Each structure stands twice: as structure tokens, then as C-alpha cells.
PDB file of N, CA and C in Angstrom:
ATOM      1  N   MET A   1     -23.748  -6.025   9.236  1.00  0.00           N
ATOM      2  CA  MET A   1     -23.077  -5.652   7.997  1.00  0.00           C
ATOM      3  C   MET A   1     -22.015  -4.594   8.257  1.00  0.00           C
ATOM      4  N   VAL A   2     -22.338  -3.619   9.094  1.00  0.00           N
ATOM      5  CA  VAL A   2     -21.379  -2.558   9.399  1.00  0.00           C
ATOM      6  C   VAL A   2     -20.155  -3.151  10.088  1.00  0.00           C
ATOM      7  N   PHE A   3     -20.376  -4.192  10.902  1.00  0.00           N
ATOM      8  CA  PHE A   3     -19.273  -4.855  11.600  1.00  0.00           C
ATOM      9  C   PHE A   3     -18.232  -5.376  10.610  1.00  0.00           C
ATOM     10  N   TRP A   4     -18.691  -6.016   9.540  1.00  0.00           N
ATOM     11  CA  TRP A   4     -17.754  -6.583   8.563  1.00  0.00           C
ATOM     12  C   TRP A   4     -17.037  -5.493   7.781  1.00  0.00           C
ATOM     13  N   PHE A   5     -17.705  -4.386   7.520  1.00  0.00           N
ATOM     14  CA  PHE A   5     -17.036  -3.268   6.856  1.00  0.00           C
ATOM     15  C   PHE A   5     -15.926  -2.707   7.741  1.00  0.00           C
ATOM     16  N   LYS A   6     -16.199  -2.615   9.046  1.00  0.00           N
ATOM     17  CA  LYS A   6     -15.190  -2.091   9.964  1.00  0.00           C
ATOM     18  C   LYS A   6     -13.994  -3.034  10.078  1.00  0.00           C
ATOM     19  N   ILE A   7     -14.246  -4.324  10.139  1.00  0.00           N
ATOM     20  CA  ILE A   7     -13.162  -5.304  10.186  1.00  0.00           C
ATOM     21  C   ILE A   7     -12.327  -5.232   8.909  1.00  0.00           C
ATOM     22  N   THR A   8     -13.000  -5.155   7.765  1.00  0.00           N
ATOM     23  CA  THR A   8     -12.304  -5.040   6.483  1.00  0.00           C
ATOM     24  C   THR A   8     -11.483  -3.765   6.433  1.00  0.00           C
ATOM     25  N   GLN A   9     -12.022  -2.685   6.950  1.00  0.00           N
ATOM     26  CA  GLN A   9     -11.316  -1.408   6.949  1.00  0.00           C
ATOM     27  C   GLN A   9     -10.040  -1.484   7.786  1.00  0.00           C
ATOM     28  N   VAL A  10     -10.106  -2.129   8.937  1.00  0.00           N
ATOM     29  CA  VAL A  10      -8.925  -2.264   9.790  1.00  0.00           C
ATOM     30  C   VAL A  10      -7.867  -3.130   9.113  1.00  0.00           C
ATOM     31  N   VAL A  11      -8.281  -4.229   8.500  1.00  0.00           N
ATOM     32  CA  VAL A  11      -7.335  -5.119   7.822  1.00  0.00           C
ATOM     33  C   VAL A  11      -6.670  -4.410   6.646  1.00  0.00           C
ATOM     34  N   VAL A  12      -7.453  -3.699   5.844  1.00  0.00           N
ATOM     35  CA  VAL A  12      -6.896  -2.979   4.697  1.00  0.00           C
ATOM     36  C   VAL A  12      -5.962  -1.864   5.174  1.00  0.00           C
ATOM     37  N   ALA A  13      -6.313  -1.198   6.276  1.00  0.00           N
ATOM     38  CA  ALA A  13      -5.461  -0.135   6.812  1.00  0.00           C
ATOM     39  C   ALA A  13      -4.113  -0.692   7.260  1.00  0.00           C
ATOM     40  N   ILE A  14      -4.112  -1.838   7.916  1.00  0.00           N
ATOM     41  CA  ILE A  14      -2.856  -2.450   8.348  1.00  0.00           C
ATOM     42  C   ILE A  14      -2.016  -2.865   7.147  1.00  0.00           C
ATOM     43  N   LEU A  15      -2.654  -3.483   6.150  1.00  0.00           N
ATOM     44  CA  LEU A  15      -1.922  -3.871   4.942  1.00  0.00           C
ATOM     45  C   LEU A  15      -1.364  -2.650   4.208  1.00  0.00           C
ATOM     46  N   LEU A  16      -2.121  -1.562   4.188  1.00  0.00           N
ATOM     47  CA  LEU A  16      -1.660  -0.338   3.540  1.00  0.00           C
ATOM     48  C   LEU A  16      -0.453   0.244   4.270  1.00  0.00           C
ATOM     49  N   MET A  17      -0.486   0.238   5.591  1.00  0.00           N
ATOM     50  CA  MET A  17       0.662   0.732   6.357  1.00  0.00           C
ATOM     51  C   MET A  17       1.907  -0.102   6.104  1.00  0.00           C
ATOM     52  N   VAL A  18       1.744  -1.414   6.058  1.00  0.00           N
ATOM     53  CA  VAL A  18       2.886  -2.296   5.793  1.00  0.00           C
ATOM     54  C   VAL A  18       3.440  -2.039   4.399  1.00  0.00           C
ATOM     55  N   ALA A  19       2.563  -1.891   3.415  1.00  0.00           N
ATOM     56  CA  ALA A  19       3.014  -1.648   2.043  1.00  0.00           C
ATOM     57  C   ALA A  19       3.758  -0.318   1.932  1.00  0.00           C
ATOM     58  N   ILE A  20       3.288   0.700   2.636  1.00  0.00           N
ATOM     59  CA  ILE A  20       3.951   2.003   2.590  1.00  0.00           C
ATOM     60  C   ILE A  20       5.307   1.938   3.285  1.00  0.00           C
ATOM     61  N   LEU A  21       5.375   1.272   4.421  1.00  0.00           N
ATOM     62  CA  LEU A  21       6.624   1.196   5.163  1.00  0.00           C
ATOM     63  C   LEU A  21       7.669   0.334   4.470  1.00  0.00           C
ATOM     64  N   MET A  22       7.244  -0.578   3.613  1.00  0.00           N
ATOM     65  CA  MET A  22       8.196  -1.418   2.879  1.00  0.00           C
ATOM     66  C   MET A  22       8.869  -0.663   1.742  1.00  0.00           C
ATOM     67  N   GLN A  23       8.314   0.457   1.354  1.00  0.00           N
ATOM     68  CA  GLN A  23       8.903   1.240   0.272  1.00  0.00           C
ATOM     69  C   GLN A  23      10.000   2.126   0.837  1.00  0.00           C
ATOM     70  N   ASN A  24      11.152   2.101   0.172  1.00  0.00           N
ATOM     71  CA  ASN A  24      12.278   2.918   0.587  1.00  0.00           C
ATOM     72  C   ASN A  24      12.590   3.866  -0.559  1.00  0.00           C
ATOM     73  N   ARG A  25      12.242   5.112  -0.410  1.00  0.00           N
ATOM     74  CA  ARG A  25      12.333   6.074  -1.496  1.00  0.00           C
ATOM     75  C   ARG A  25      13.781   6.289  -1.938  1.00  0.00           C
ATOM     76  N   GLY A  26      14.040   6.083  -3.233  1.00  0.00           N
ATOM     77  CA  GLY A  26      15.325   6.398  -3.828  1.00  0.00           C
ATOM     78  C   GLY A  26      16.394   5.340  -3.674  1.00  0.00           C
ATOM     79  N   ALA A  27      16.252   4.425  -2.742  1.00  0.00           N
ATOM     80  CA  ALA A  27      17.310   3.453  -2.528  1.00  0.00           C
ATOM     81  C   ALA A  27      17.109   2.202  -3.372  1.00  0.00           C
ATOM     82  N   GLY A  28      15.891   1.785  -3.529  1.00  0.00           N
ATOM     83  CA  GLY A  28      15.615   0.577  -4.281  1.00  0.00           C
ATOM     84  C   GLY A  28      15.947  -0.659  -3.478  1.00  0.00           C
ATOM     85  N   VAL A  29      15.570  -1.809  -3.988  1.00  0.00           N
ATOM     86  CA  VAL A  29      15.836  -3.062  -3.304  1.00  0.00           C
ATOM     87  C   VAL A  29      17.318  -3.379  -3.334  1.00  0.00           C
ATOM     88  N   GLY A  30      18.028  -2.908  -4.348  1.00  0.00           N
ATOM     89  CA  GLY A  30      19.464  -3.153  -4.445  1.00  0.00           C
ATOM     90  C   GLY A  30      20.239  -2.533  -3.293  1.00  0.00           C
ATOM     91  N   GLY A  31      19.749  -1.440  -2.736  1.00  0.00           N
ATOM     92  CA  GLY A  31      20.411  -0.806  -1.611  1.00  0.00           C
ATOM     93  C   GLY A  31      20.375  -1.661  -0.360  1.00  0.00           C
ATOM     94  N   ILE A  32      19.363  -2.492  -0.237  1.00  0.00           N
ATOM     95  CA  ILE A  32      19.253  -3.380   0.917  1.00  0.00           C
ATOM     96  C   ILE A  32      20.320  -4.464   0.838  1.00  0.00           C
ATOM     97  N   LEU A  33      20.621  -4.917  -0.358  1.00  0.00           N
ATOM     98  CA  LEU A  33      21.576  -6.005  -0.537  1.00  0.00           C
ATOM     99  C   LEU A  33      23.009  -5.516  -0.687  1.00  0.00           C
ATOM    100  N   GLY A  34      23.245  -4.244  -0.541  1.00  0.00           N
ATOM    101  CA  GLY A  34      24.605  -3.724  -0.594  1.00  0.00           C
ATOM    102  C   GLY A  34      24.986  -3.090  -1.915  1.00  0.00           C
ATOM    103  N   GLY A  35      24.108  -3.102  -2.883  1.00  0.00           N
ATOM    104  CA  GLY A  35      24.419  -2.486  -4.169  1.00  0.00           C
ATOM    105  C   GLY A  35      24.319  -0.981  -4.086  1.00  0.00           C
ATOM    106  N   SER A  36      25.096  -0.297  -4.892  1.00  0.00           N
ATOM    107  CA  SER A  36      25.024   1.165  -4.886  1.00  0.00           C
ATOM    108  C   SER A  36      24.421   1.625  -6.204  1.00  0.00           C
ATOM    109  N   GLY A  37      23.389   2.423  -6.107  1.00  0.00           N
ATOM    110  CA  GLY A  37      22.741   2.934  -7.306  1.00  0.00           C
ATOM    111  C   GLY A  37      22.725   4.448  -7.247  1.00  0.00           C
ATOM    112  N   GLY A  38      23.534   5.082  -8.052  1.00  0.00           N
ATOM    113  CA  GLY A  38      23.605   6.535  -8.037  1.00  0.00           C
ATOM    114  C   GLY A  38      22.428   7.180  -8.738  1.00  0.00           C
ATOM    115  N   VAL A  39      21.822   6.477  -9.701  1.00  0.00           N
ATOM    116  CA  VAL A  39      20.726   7.030 -10.472  1.00  0.00           C
ATOM    117  C   VAL A  39      19.495   6.160 -10.260  1.00  0.00           C
ATOM    118  N   TYR A  40      18.392   6.794  -9.944  1.00  0.00           N
ATOM    119  CA  TYR A  40      17.137   6.079  -9.729  1.00  0.00           C
ATOM    120  C   TYR A  40      16.203   6.454 -10.866  1.00  0.00           C
ATOM    121  N   LEU A  41      16.023   5.546 -11.810  1.00  0.00           N
ATOM    122  CA  LEU A  41      15.247   5.870 -13.006  1.00  0.00           C
ATOM    123  C   LEU A  41      13.791   5.412 -12.904  1.00  0.00           C
ATOM    124  N   THR A  42      13.572   4.120 -12.869  1.00  0.00           N
ATOM    125  CA  THR A  42      12.207   3.594 -12.848  1.00  0.00           C
ATOM    126  C   THR A  42      12.095   2.475 -11.831  1.00  0.00           C
ATOM    127  N   LYS A  43      10.857   2.192 -11.463  1.00  0.00           N
ATOM    128  CA  LYS A  43      10.608   1.062 -10.578  1.00  0.00           C
ATOM    129  C   LYS A  43      10.571  -0.196 -11.429  1.00  0.00           C
ATOM    130  N   ARG A  44      11.209  -1.249 -10.928  1.00  0.00           N
ATOM    131  CA  ARG A  44      11.218  -2.506 -11.653  1.00  0.00           C
ATOM    132  C   ARG A  44      11.007  -3.655 -10.692  1.00  0.00           C
ATOM    133  N   GLY A  45      10.503  -4.728 -11.200  1.00  0.00           N
ATOM    134  CA  GLY A  45      10.354  -5.945 -10.417  1.00  0.00           C
ATOM    135  C   GLY A  45       9.426  -5.780  -9.231  1.00  0.00           C
ATOM    136  N   ILE A  46       9.932  -6.172  -8.062  1.00  0.00           N
ATOM    137  CA  ILE A  46       9.108  -6.169  -6.853  1.00  0.00           C
ATOM    138  C   ILE A  46       8.749  -4.753  -6.422  1.00  0.00           C
ATOM    139  N   GLU A  47       9.616  -3.788  -6.714  1.00  0.00           N
ATOM    140  CA  GLU A  47       9.305  -2.390  -6.361  1.00  0.00           C
ATOM    141  C   GLU A  47       8.076  -1.900  -7.108  1.00  0.00           C
ATOM    142  N   LYS A  48       7.958  -2.257  -8.376  1.00  0.00           N
ATOM    143  CA  LYS A  48       6.800  -1.854  -9.175  1.00  0.00           C
ATOM    144  C   LYS A  48       5.531  -2.528  -8.676  1.00  0.00           C
ATOM    145  N   LYS A  49       5.626  -3.815  -8.340  1.00  0.00           N
ATOM    146  CA  LYS A  49       4.469  -4.536  -7.829  1.00  0.00           C
ATOM    147  C   LYS A  49       4.031  -3.972  -6.481  1.00  0.00           C
ATOM    148  N   LEU A  50       4.986  -3.608  -5.641  1.00  0.00           N
ATOM    149  CA  LEU A  50       4.663  -3.023  -4.345  1.00  0.00           C
ATOM    150  C   LEU A  50       4.010  -1.653  -4.507  1.00  0.00           C
ATOM    151  N   HIS A  51       4.468  -0.890  -5.480  1.00  0.00           N
ATOM    152  CA  HIS A  51       3.880   0.423  -5.767  1.00  0.00           C
ATOM    153  C   HIS A  51       2.422   0.273  -6.231  1.00  0.00           C
ATOM    154  N   ILE A  52       2.183  -0.661  -7.130  1.00  0.00           N
ATOM    155  CA  ILE A  52       0.831  -0.896  -7.633  1.00  0.00           C
ATOM    156  C   ILE A  52      -0.065  -1.429  -6.514  1.00  0.00           C
ATOM    157  N   LEU A  53       0.472  -2.325  -5.668  1.00  0.00           N
ATOM    158  CA  LEU A  53      -0.293  -2.849  -4.537  1.00  0.00           C
ATOM    159  C   LEU A  53      -0.690  -1.734  -3.580  1.00  0.00           C
ATOM    160  N   THR A  54       0.207  -0.782  -3.361  1.00  0.00           N
ATOM    161  CA  THR A  54      -0.095   0.347  -2.478  1.00  0.00           C
ATOM    162  C   THR A  54      -1.246   1.184  -3.031  1.00  0.00           C
ATOM    163  N   ILE A  55      -1.240   1.421  -4.326  1.00  0.00           N
ATOM    164  CA  ILE A  55      -2.319   2.188  -4.958  1.00  0.00           C
ATOM    165  C   ILE A  55      -3.647   1.443  -4.844  1.00  0.00           C
ATOM    166  N   ILE A  56      -3.623   0.139  -5.087  1.00  0.00           N
ATOM    167  CA  ILE A  56      -4.843  -0.663  -5.000  1.00  0.00           C
ATOM    168  C   ILE A  56      -5.384  -0.673  -3.576  1.00  0.00           C
ATOM    169  N   LEU A  57      -4.487  -0.844  -2.594  1.00  0.00           N
ATOM    170  CA  LEU A  57      -4.927  -0.855  -1.198  1.00  0.00           C
ATOM    171  C   LEU A  57      -5.493   0.496  -0.775  1.00  0.00           C
ATOM    172  N   ALA A  58      -4.896   1.589  -1.253  1.00  0.00           N
ATOM    173  CA  ALA A  58      -5.412   2.922  -0.917  1.00  0.00           C
ATOM    174  C   ALA A  58      -6.805   3.116  -1.504  1.00  0.00           C
ATOM    175  N   ALA A  59      -7.001   2.698  -2.744  1.00  0.00           N
ATOM    176  CA  ALA A  59      -8.321   2.816  -3.369  1.00  0.00           C
ATOM    177  C   ALA A  59      -9.346   1.937  -2.649  1.00  0.00           C
ATOM    178  N   LEU A  60      -8.936   0.735  -2.271  1.00  0.00           N
ATOM    179  CA  LEU A  60      -9.831  -0.164  -1.540  1.00  0.00           C
ATOM    180  C   LEU A  60     -10.192   0.408  -0.180  1.00  0.00           C
ATOM    181  N   PHE A  61      -9.223   1.028   0.494  1.00  0.00           N
ATOM    182  CA  PHE A  61      -9.486   1.649   1.787  1.00  0.00           C
ATOM    183  C   PHE A  61     -10.519   2.766   1.653  1.00  0.00           C
ATOM    184  N   ILE A  62     -10.386   3.576   0.618  1.00  0.00           N
ATOM    185  CA  ILE A  62     -11.339   4.667   0.395  1.00  0.00           C
ATOM    186  C   ILE A  62     -12.729   4.100   0.107  1.00  0.00           C
ATOM    187  N   LEU A  63     -12.806   3.082  -0.722  1.00  0.00           N
ATOM    188  CA  LEU A  63     -14.109   2.493  -1.062  1.00  0.00           C
ATOM    189  C   LEU A  63     -14.785   1.860   0.158  1.00  0.00           C
ATOM    190  N   VAL A  64     -14.011   1.169   0.985  1.00  0.00           N
ATOM    191  CA  VAL A  64     -14.589   0.554   2.185  1.00  0.00           C
ATOM    192  C   VAL A  64     -15.031   1.634   3.164  1.00  0.00           C
ATOM    193  N   SER A  65     -14.262   2.704   3.283  1.00  0.00           N
ATOM    194  CA  SER A  65     -14.625   3.809   4.175  1.00  0.00           C
ATOM    195  C   SER A  65     -15.930   4.459   3.710  1.00  0.00           C
ATOM    196  N   LEU A  66     -16.050   4.713   2.416  1.00  0.00           N
ATOM    197  CA  LEU A  66     -17.283   5.285   1.889  1.00  0.00           C
ATOM    198  C   LEU A  66     -18.457   4.320   2.050  1.00  0.00           C
ATOM    199  N   GLY A  67     -18.214   3.026   1.848  1.00  0.00           N
ATOM    200  CA  GLY A  67     -19.269   2.037   2.041  1.00  0.00           C
ATOM    201  C   GLY A  67     -19.762   2.015   3.476  1.00  0.00           C
ATOM    202  N   THR A  68     -18.838   2.093   4.421  1.00  0.00           N
ATOM    203  CA  THR A  68     -19.219   2.126   5.829  1.00  0.00           C
ATOM    204  C   THR A  68     -20.045   3.360   6.134  1.00  0.00           C
ATOM    205  N   PHE A  69     -19.642   4.489   5.583  1.00  0.00           N
ATOM    206  CA  PHE A  69     -20.366   5.738   5.795  1.00  0.00           C
ATOM    207  C   PHE A  69     -21.780   5.668   5.221  1.00  0.00           C
ATOM    208  N   TRP A  70     -21.897   5.129   4.006  1.00  0.00           N
ATOM    209  CA  TRP A  70     -23.218   5.066   3.357  1.00  0.00           C
ATOM    210  C   TRP A  70     -24.157   4.090   4.050  1.00  0.00           C
ATOM    211  N   ILE A  71     -23.607   2.986   4.564  1.00  0.00           N
ATOM    212  CA  ILE A  71     -24.457   2.019   5.248  1.00  0.00           C
ATOM    213  C   ILE A  71     -24.962   2.567   6.575  1.00  0.00           C
ATOM    214  N   LYS A  72     -24.124   3.339   7.265  1.00  0.00           N
ATOM    215  CA  LYS A  72     -24.537   3.933   8.528  1.00  0.00           C
ATOM    216  C   LYS A  72     -25.634   4.992   8.315  1.00  0.00           C
ATOM    217  N   ALA A  73     -25.560   5.708   7.211  1.00  0.00           N
ATOM    218  CA  ALA A  73     -26.500   6.811   6.971  1.00  0.00           C
ATOM    219  C   ALA A  73     -27.860   6.357   6.540  1.00  0.00           C
TER     220      ALA A  73
END
């Protein structure tokens, strides 16, 4: 059982790193395509979904880490 928690923890950690690295603070997705945005107001579209996914993955990582700790103890 602990083996599967550890595998899940590694997979969630990798997904969390990818989600964090895909976020570009202040530039938005429009900056990648050549658009210029002088004002950054709110997250919209894929940026908002990526932000929510990052929060979910972080919470899942914490829960799996605590589960691994409790099962070992």
C-alpha cells in the first residue's frame, strides 16, 4: 500500500511542477503569441483553468503525503 502512495506522490509532484512552470506571471498567454498587454487584470480561459489545476494538485500532493505518513506510522 505504501508503494502505491509513493508512486502517486511522485506522479502528482511531477504534474505539479509542470503546472507551475507553465504559468508565466504577468505576461498571460497573449504574450506568447506576440500580443502586448500593458494591464494584467484577471485570469481568463486556460490561465484560470491552469491556476485552479495547480491548486488542486498542491492539495492532492499534501493529502497523499499525509496519507503516506499516516500509513507508515
